[in-house]
Amino acid sequence: MEFNFDFFASETEEPQTNTLIQYLQQQHPETLAWVAQSASSEIKDIINQNVQGLVGMLPSEDFHVQITTDRDDLANLLASAMMTGYFLGQMEQRKNLDNTLSLSESLKAKKKNKEH
C-alpha cells in the first residue's frame, strides 16, 4: 500500500485551504509510505471492501469494467478511504489495549485468589 503525496496538488490557481492536505503535502514520502504500510491486513481488507462497495464491483471474468470520474470525486473517494483507515487503525489500537487490560486484570485476579 502506497500513498501518492502529490495526489492533492491543485490544478487550479486557488490557494489550498485544507490544513490536512497541506500537512500531508509537507510530509516526506518515506513517512507516508511507512504509515500506509503499517496498516494491518485486516484494515487493508476492510478498506478494500469499502472502496469496492463505493465504486461497484463486477466480476472481471464476465465484465470489462471501466470507471470514469473527475478529480474532485476521486479526491473525495480517497479522503473517505483515508478516514476509514484512520478510524479502523484507532479502533484496532483500542481493541488491542482492551485485550491487554483484560489480560492484566485477569492476571491480577488470579494472583489475588492465590494469595487468599
N, C-alpha and C. Protein backbone atom coordinates (compact mmCIF):
# COMPACT_ATOMS: atom_id res chain seq x y z
N MET A 1 0.86 -1.17 0.00
CA MET A 1 0.00 0.00 0.00
C MET A 1 0.90 1.22 0.00
N GLU A 2 0.61 2.15 -0.88
CA GLU A 2 1.46 3.32 -1.01
C GLU A 2 0.59 4.56 -1.12
N PHE A 3 1.05 5.66 -0.60
CA PHE A 3 0.31 6.92 -0.68
C PHE A 3 1.04 7.86 -1.60
N ASN A 4 0.34 8.39 -2.59
CA ASN A 4 0.91 9.35 -3.52
C ASN A 4 0.73 10.74 -2.92
N PHE A 5 1.80 11.31 -2.38
CA PHE A 5 1.67 12.58 -1.67
C PHE A 5 1.41 13.75 -2.60
N ASP A 6 1.58 13.58 -3.91
CA ASP A 6 1.27 14.65 -4.87
C ASP A 6 -0.17 14.59 -5.36
N PHE A 7 -0.94 13.64 -4.88
CA PHE A 7 -2.29 13.43 -5.39
C PHE A 7 -3.15 14.68 -5.28
N PHE A 8 -2.99 15.42 -4.19
CA PHE A 8 -3.84 16.57 -3.94
C PHE A 8 -3.31 17.86 -4.55
N ALA A 9 -2.26 17.79 -5.32
CA ALA A 9 -1.73 19.00 -5.94
C ALA A 9 -2.83 19.65 -6.77
N SER A 10 -3.06 20.90 -6.51
CA SER A 10 -4.17 21.61 -7.14
C SER A 10 -3.84 22.00 -8.57
N GLU A 11 -4.82 21.77 -9.46
CA GLU A 11 -4.66 22.20 -10.84
C GLU A 11 -5.19 23.62 -11.02
N THR A 12 -5.88 24.13 -10.03
CA THR A 12 -6.40 25.48 -10.11
C THR A 12 -5.43 26.43 -9.45
N GLU A 13 -5.68 27.72 -9.60
CA GLU A 13 -4.79 28.70 -9.00
C GLU A 13 -5.25 29.10 -7.60
N GLU A 14 -6.33 28.46 -7.11
CA GLU A 14 -6.81 28.76 -5.77
C GLU A 14 -5.80 28.26 -4.74
N PRO A 15 -5.55 29.05 -3.69
CA PRO A 15 -4.66 28.54 -2.65
C PRO A 15 -5.32 27.39 -1.89
N GLN A 16 -4.54 26.42 -1.47
CA GLN A 16 -5.05 25.27 -0.74
C GLN A 16 -5.37 25.68 0.70
N THR A 17 -6.63 25.52 1.10
CA THR A 17 -7.03 25.92 2.44
C THR A 17 -7.24 24.75 3.38
N ASN A 18 -7.21 23.54 2.88
CA ASN A 18 -7.40 22.36 3.72
C ASN A 18 -6.09 22.08 4.45
N THR A 19 -6.10 22.26 5.76
CA THR A 19 -4.86 22.12 6.53
C THR A 19 -4.36 20.69 6.56
N LEU A 20 -5.25 19.70 6.49
CA LEU A 20 -4.80 18.31 6.46
C LEU A 20 -4.06 18.03 5.17
N ILE A 21 -4.58 18.52 4.06
CA ILE A 21 -3.90 18.33 2.77
C ILE A 21 -2.54 19.03 2.81
N GLN A 22 -2.50 20.24 3.36
CA GLN A 22 -1.23 20.95 3.48
C GLN A 22 -0.24 20.14 4.31
N TYR A 23 -0.72 19.58 5.41
CA TYR A 23 0.14 18.77 6.28
C TYR A 23 0.66 17.55 5.53
N LEU A 24 -0.22 16.86 4.81
CA LEU A 24 0.20 15.69 4.04
C LEU A 24 1.23 16.04 2.99
N GLN A 25 1.05 17.18 2.35
CA GLN A 25 1.99 17.61 1.32
C GLN A 25 3.36 17.95 1.90
N GLN A 26 3.41 18.30 3.17
CA GLN A 26 4.68 18.65 3.81
C GLN A 26 5.44 17.43 4.33
N GLN A 27 4.80 16.27 4.34
CA GLN A 27 5.44 15.07 4.87
C GLN A 27 6.38 14.46 3.83
N HIS A 28 7.42 13.82 4.33
CA HIS A 28 8.35 13.11 3.46
C HIS A 28 7.65 11.87 2.91
N PRO A 29 7.91 11.52 1.67
CA PRO A 29 7.28 10.33 1.08
C PRO A 29 7.55 9.06 1.90
N GLU A 30 8.72 8.96 2.51
CA GLU A 30 9.04 7.79 3.33
C GLU A 30 8.12 7.69 4.54
N THR A 31 7.79 8.83 5.13
CA THR A 31 6.89 8.84 6.28
C THR A 31 5.51 8.35 5.88
N LEU A 32 5.01 8.87 4.77
CA LEU A 32 3.68 8.46 4.30
C LEU A 32 3.67 6.99 3.90
N ALA A 33 4.74 6.52 3.28
CA ALA A 33 4.82 5.11 2.91
C ALA A 33 4.83 4.23 4.16
N TRP A 34 5.57 4.65 5.20
CA TRP A 34 5.63 3.88 6.44
C TRP A 34 4.25 3.80 7.09
N VAL A 35 3.54 4.93 7.13
CA VAL A 35 2.20 4.93 7.72
C VAL A 35 1.27 4.01 6.94
N ALA A 36 1.32 4.09 5.61
CA ALA A 36 0.46 3.25 4.78
C ALA A 36 0.80 1.77 4.97
N GLN A 37 2.08 1.45 5.09
CA GLN A 37 2.49 0.05 5.25
C GLN A 37 2.22 -0.47 6.65
N SER A 38 2.05 0.41 7.61
CA SER A 38 1.84 -0.05 8.99
C SER A 38 0.41 -0.54 9.23
N ALA A 39 -0.48 -0.34 8.27
CA ALA A 39 -1.86 -0.82 8.41
C ALA A 39 -1.86 -2.34 8.39
N SER A 40 -2.64 -2.94 9.28
CA SER A 40 -2.72 -4.40 9.32
C SER A 40 -3.47 -4.93 8.10
N SER A 41 -3.32 -6.22 7.86
CA SER A 41 -4.02 -6.83 6.73
C SER A 41 -5.54 -6.74 6.90
N GLU A 42 -6.02 -6.79 8.16
CA GLU A 42 -7.45 -6.67 8.41
C GLU A 42 -7.96 -5.29 7.98
N ILE A 43 -7.20 -4.24 8.30
CA ILE A 43 -7.59 -2.89 7.92
C ILE A 43 -7.58 -2.75 6.40
N LYS A 44 -6.54 -3.27 5.76
CA LYS A 44 -6.46 -3.20 4.30
C LYS A 44 -7.64 -3.92 3.65
N ASP A 45 -8.03 -5.08 4.21
CA ASP A 45 -9.17 -5.82 3.66
C ASP A 45 -10.47 -5.02 3.79
N ILE A 46 -10.67 -4.39 4.95
CA ILE A 46 -11.90 -3.61 5.16
C ILE A 46 -11.95 -2.41 4.22
N ILE A 47 -10.82 -1.72 4.07
CA ILE A 47 -10.78 -0.57 3.16
C ILE A 47 -11.02 -1.03 1.73
N ASN A 48 -10.42 -2.14 1.34
CA ASN A 48 -10.61 -2.69 0.01
C ASN A 48 -12.09 -2.98 -0.24
N GLN A 49 -12.75 -3.63 0.71
CA GLN A 49 -14.17 -3.94 0.58
C GLN A 49 -15.00 -2.66 0.53
N ASN A 50 -14.62 -1.67 1.33
CA ASN A 50 -15.35 -0.40 1.37
C ASN A 50 -15.26 0.32 0.02
N VAL A 51 -14.05 0.42 -0.52
CA VAL A 51 -13.87 1.10 -1.80
C VAL A 51 -14.58 0.34 -2.91
N GLN A 52 -14.48 -0.98 -2.91
CA GLN A 52 -15.18 -1.77 -3.91
C GLN A 52 -16.69 -1.56 -3.81
N GLY A 53 -17.20 -1.45 -2.59
CA GLY A 53 -18.63 -1.19 -2.40
C GLY A 53 -19.03 0.19 -2.91
N LEU A 54 -18.16 1.17 -2.71
CA LEU A 54 -18.45 2.52 -3.18
C LEU A 54 -18.40 2.62 -4.70
N VAL A 55 -17.40 1.98 -5.29
CA VAL A 55 -17.20 2.07 -6.73
C VAL A 55 -18.08 1.06 -7.47
N GLY A 56 -18.33 -0.04 -6.86
CA GLY A 56 -19.07 -1.10 -7.51
C GLY A 56 -18.10 -2.15 -7.99
N MET A 57 -18.51 -3.39 -7.89
CA MET A 57 -17.60 -4.45 -8.28
C MET A 57 -18.36 -5.50 -9.06
N LEU A 58 -17.93 -5.71 -10.27
CA LEU A 58 -18.46 -6.78 -11.10
C LEU A 58 -17.33 -7.76 -11.37
N PRO A 59 -17.64 -9.03 -11.53
CA PRO A 59 -16.56 -9.99 -11.78
C PRO A 59 -15.85 -9.69 -13.10
N SER A 60 -14.53 -9.56 -13.03
CA SER A 60 -13.76 -9.17 -14.21
C SER A 60 -13.79 -10.23 -15.31
N GLU A 61 -14.05 -11.49 -14.93
CA GLU A 61 -14.10 -12.53 -15.97
C GLU A 61 -15.37 -12.42 -16.83
N ASP A 62 -16.40 -11.76 -16.34
CA ASP A 62 -17.65 -11.62 -17.09
C ASP A 62 -17.87 -10.21 -17.65
N PHE A 63 -17.17 -9.22 -17.09
CA PHE A 63 -17.41 -7.83 -17.47
C PHE A 63 -16.10 -7.11 -17.69
N HIS A 64 -16.11 -6.19 -18.62
CA HIS A 64 -14.98 -5.29 -18.80
C HIS A 64 -15.41 -3.97 -18.16
N VAL A 65 -14.97 -3.74 -16.93
CA VAL A 65 -15.42 -2.59 -16.16
C VAL A 65 -14.45 -1.43 -16.35
N GLN A 66 -15.01 -0.27 -16.66
CA GLN A 66 -14.21 0.94 -16.77
C GLN A 66 -14.95 2.03 -16.00
N ILE A 67 -14.23 2.68 -15.09
CA ILE A 67 -14.83 3.71 -14.25
C ILE A 67 -14.26 5.05 -14.65
N THR A 68 -15.15 6.01 -14.85
CA THR A 68 -14.73 7.36 -15.19
C THR A 68 -15.24 8.31 -14.12
N THR A 69 -14.36 9.21 -13.69
CA THR A 69 -14.75 10.19 -12.69
C THR A 69 -13.91 11.44 -12.89
N ASP A 70 -14.24 12.47 -12.13
CA ASP A 70 -13.40 13.67 -12.20
C ASP A 70 -12.49 13.72 -10.98
N ARG A 71 -11.59 14.65 -10.99
CA ARG A 71 -10.57 14.76 -9.94
C ARG A 71 -11.20 14.97 -8.56
N ASP A 72 -12.22 15.82 -8.47
CA ASP A 72 -12.83 16.10 -7.16
C ASP A 72 -13.49 14.86 -6.58
N ASP A 73 -14.23 14.11 -7.40
CA ASP A 73 -14.89 12.91 -6.88
C ASP A 73 -13.87 11.85 -6.49
N LEU A 74 -12.80 11.73 -7.27
CA LEU A 74 -11.74 10.78 -6.91
C LEU A 74 -11.06 11.21 -5.62
N ALA A 75 -10.83 12.49 -5.45
CA ALA A 75 -10.24 13.00 -4.21
C ALA A 75 -11.15 12.71 -3.02
N ASN A 76 -12.46 12.85 -3.20
CA ASN A 76 -13.41 12.53 -2.13
C ASN A 76 -13.37 11.05 -1.79
N LEU A 77 -13.25 10.20 -2.80
CA LEU A 77 -13.15 8.77 -2.55
C LEU A 77 -11.88 8.44 -1.78
N LEU A 78 -10.77 9.05 -2.18
CA LEU A 78 -9.51 8.84 -1.47
C LEU A 78 -9.61 9.34 -0.03
N ALA A 79 -10.20 10.50 0.16
CA ALA A 79 -10.35 11.04 1.51
C ALA A 79 -11.21 10.12 2.36
N SER A 80 -12.26 9.57 1.78
CA SER A 80 -13.11 8.63 2.50
C SER A 80 -12.32 7.39 2.91
N ALA A 81 -11.51 6.86 1.99
CA ALA A 81 -10.70 5.69 2.30
C ALA A 81 -9.68 6.01 3.38
N MET A 82 -9.10 7.20 3.32
CA MET A 82 -8.12 7.61 4.35
C MET A 82 -8.78 7.72 5.72
N MET A 83 -9.95 8.32 5.77
CA MET A 83 -10.65 8.46 7.05
C MET A 83 -11.08 7.10 7.59
N THR A 84 -11.51 6.22 6.69
CA THR A 84 -11.86 4.86 7.11
C THR A 84 -10.63 4.17 7.69
N GLY A 85 -9.50 4.32 7.01
CA GLY A 85 -8.26 3.72 7.51
C GLY A 85 -7.85 4.27 8.86
N TYR A 86 -7.96 5.58 9.01
CA TYR A 86 -7.59 6.20 10.28
C TYR A 86 -8.51 5.69 11.39
N PHE A 87 -9.81 5.68 11.13
CA PHE A 87 -10.77 5.21 12.12
C PHE A 87 -10.50 3.75 12.49
N LEU A 88 -10.30 2.91 11.48
CA LEU A 88 -10.05 1.50 11.75
C LEU A 88 -8.74 1.30 12.51
N GLY A 89 -7.73 2.08 12.19
CA GLY A 89 -6.46 1.99 12.91
C GLY A 89 -6.64 2.34 14.39
N GLN A 90 -7.40 3.38 14.65
CA GLN A 90 -7.66 3.77 16.03
C GLN A 90 -8.47 2.69 16.77
N MET A 91 -9.46 2.11 16.07
CA MET A 91 -10.26 1.07 16.71
C MET A 91 -9.43 -0.20 16.94
N GLU A 92 -8.52 -0.50 16.04
CA GLU A 92 -7.65 -1.65 16.23
C GLU A 92 -6.74 -1.43 17.45
N GLN A 93 -6.21 -0.23 17.60
CA GLN A 93 -5.40 0.09 18.77
C GLN A 93 -6.23 -0.03 20.04
N ARG A 94 -7.46 0.44 19.98
CA ARG A 94 -8.34 0.36 21.16
C ARG A 94 -8.63 -1.10 21.51
N LYS A 95 -8.90 -1.93 20.49
CA LYS A 95 -9.14 -3.35 20.72
C LYS A 95 -7.93 -4.00 21.38
N ASN A 96 -6.74 -3.70 20.86
CA ASN A 96 -5.52 -4.26 21.44
C ASN A 96 -5.32 -3.80 22.88
N LEU A 97 -5.61 -2.53 23.15
CA LEU A 97 -5.49 -2.02 24.52
C LEU A 97 -6.51 -2.69 25.43
N ASP A 98 -7.75 -2.84 24.98
CA ASP A 98 -8.77 -3.54 25.76
C ASP A 98 -8.34 -4.97 26.07
N ASN A 99 -7.78 -5.66 25.06
CA ASN A 99 -7.32 -7.03 25.28
C ASN A 99 -6.19 -7.07 26.30
N THR A 100 -5.28 -6.14 26.21
CA THR A 100 -4.16 -6.08 27.16
C THR A 100 -4.65 -5.79 28.56
N LEU A 101 -5.57 -4.84 28.69
CA LEU A 101 -6.12 -4.52 30.01
C LEU A 101 -6.91 -5.69 30.59
N SER A 102 -7.67 -6.38 29.76
CA SER A 102 -8.43 -7.55 30.23
C SER A 102 -7.49 -8.64 30.72
N LEU A 103 -6.42 -8.86 29.97
CA LEU A 103 -5.44 -9.86 30.38
C LEU A 103 -4.78 -9.46 31.69
N SER A 104 -4.45 -8.19 31.81
CA SER A 104 -3.82 -7.69 33.03
C SER A 104 -4.75 -7.87 34.24
N GLU A 105 -6.02 -7.52 34.05
CA GLU A 105 -6.99 -7.67 35.15
C GLU A 105 -7.18 -9.13 35.51
N SER A 106 -7.18 -10.00 34.51
CA SER A 106 -7.32 -11.43 34.75
C SER A 106 -6.14 -11.96 35.54
N LEU A 107 -4.93 -11.53 35.18
CA LEU A 107 -3.74 -11.97 35.90
C LEU A 107 -3.74 -11.45 37.34
N LYS A 108 -4.18 -10.21 37.53
CA LYS A 108 -4.26 -9.66 38.89
C LYS A 108 -5.25 -10.43 39.73
N ALA A 109 -6.39 -10.80 39.13
CA ALA A 109 -7.42 -11.55 39.87
C ALA A 109 -6.89 -12.94 40.25
N LYS A 110 -6.17 -13.59 39.34
CA LYS A 110 -5.61 -14.91 39.65
C LYS A 110 -4.57 -14.80 40.77
N LYS A 111 -3.75 -13.78 40.71
CA LYS A 111 -2.73 -13.58 41.74
C LYS A 111 -3.39 -13.33 43.09
N LYS A 112 -4.45 -12.52 43.10
CA LYS A 112 -5.15 -12.22 44.34
C LYS A 112 -5.79 -13.46 44.91
N ASN A 113 -6.37 -14.30 44.06
CA ASN A 113 -7.01 -15.55 44.52
C ASN A 113 -5.99 -16.49 45.10
N LYS A 114 -4.78 -16.54 44.55
CA LYS A 114 -3.74 -17.43 45.07
C LYS A 114 -3.25 -16.97 46.43
N GLU A 115 -3.30 -15.66 46.67
CA GLU A 115 -2.82 -15.12 47.95
C GLU A 115 -3.81 -15.40 49.08
N HIS A 116 -5.06 -15.64 48.74
CA HIS A 116 -6.07 -15.85 49.79
C HIS A 116 -6.34 -17.28 50.02
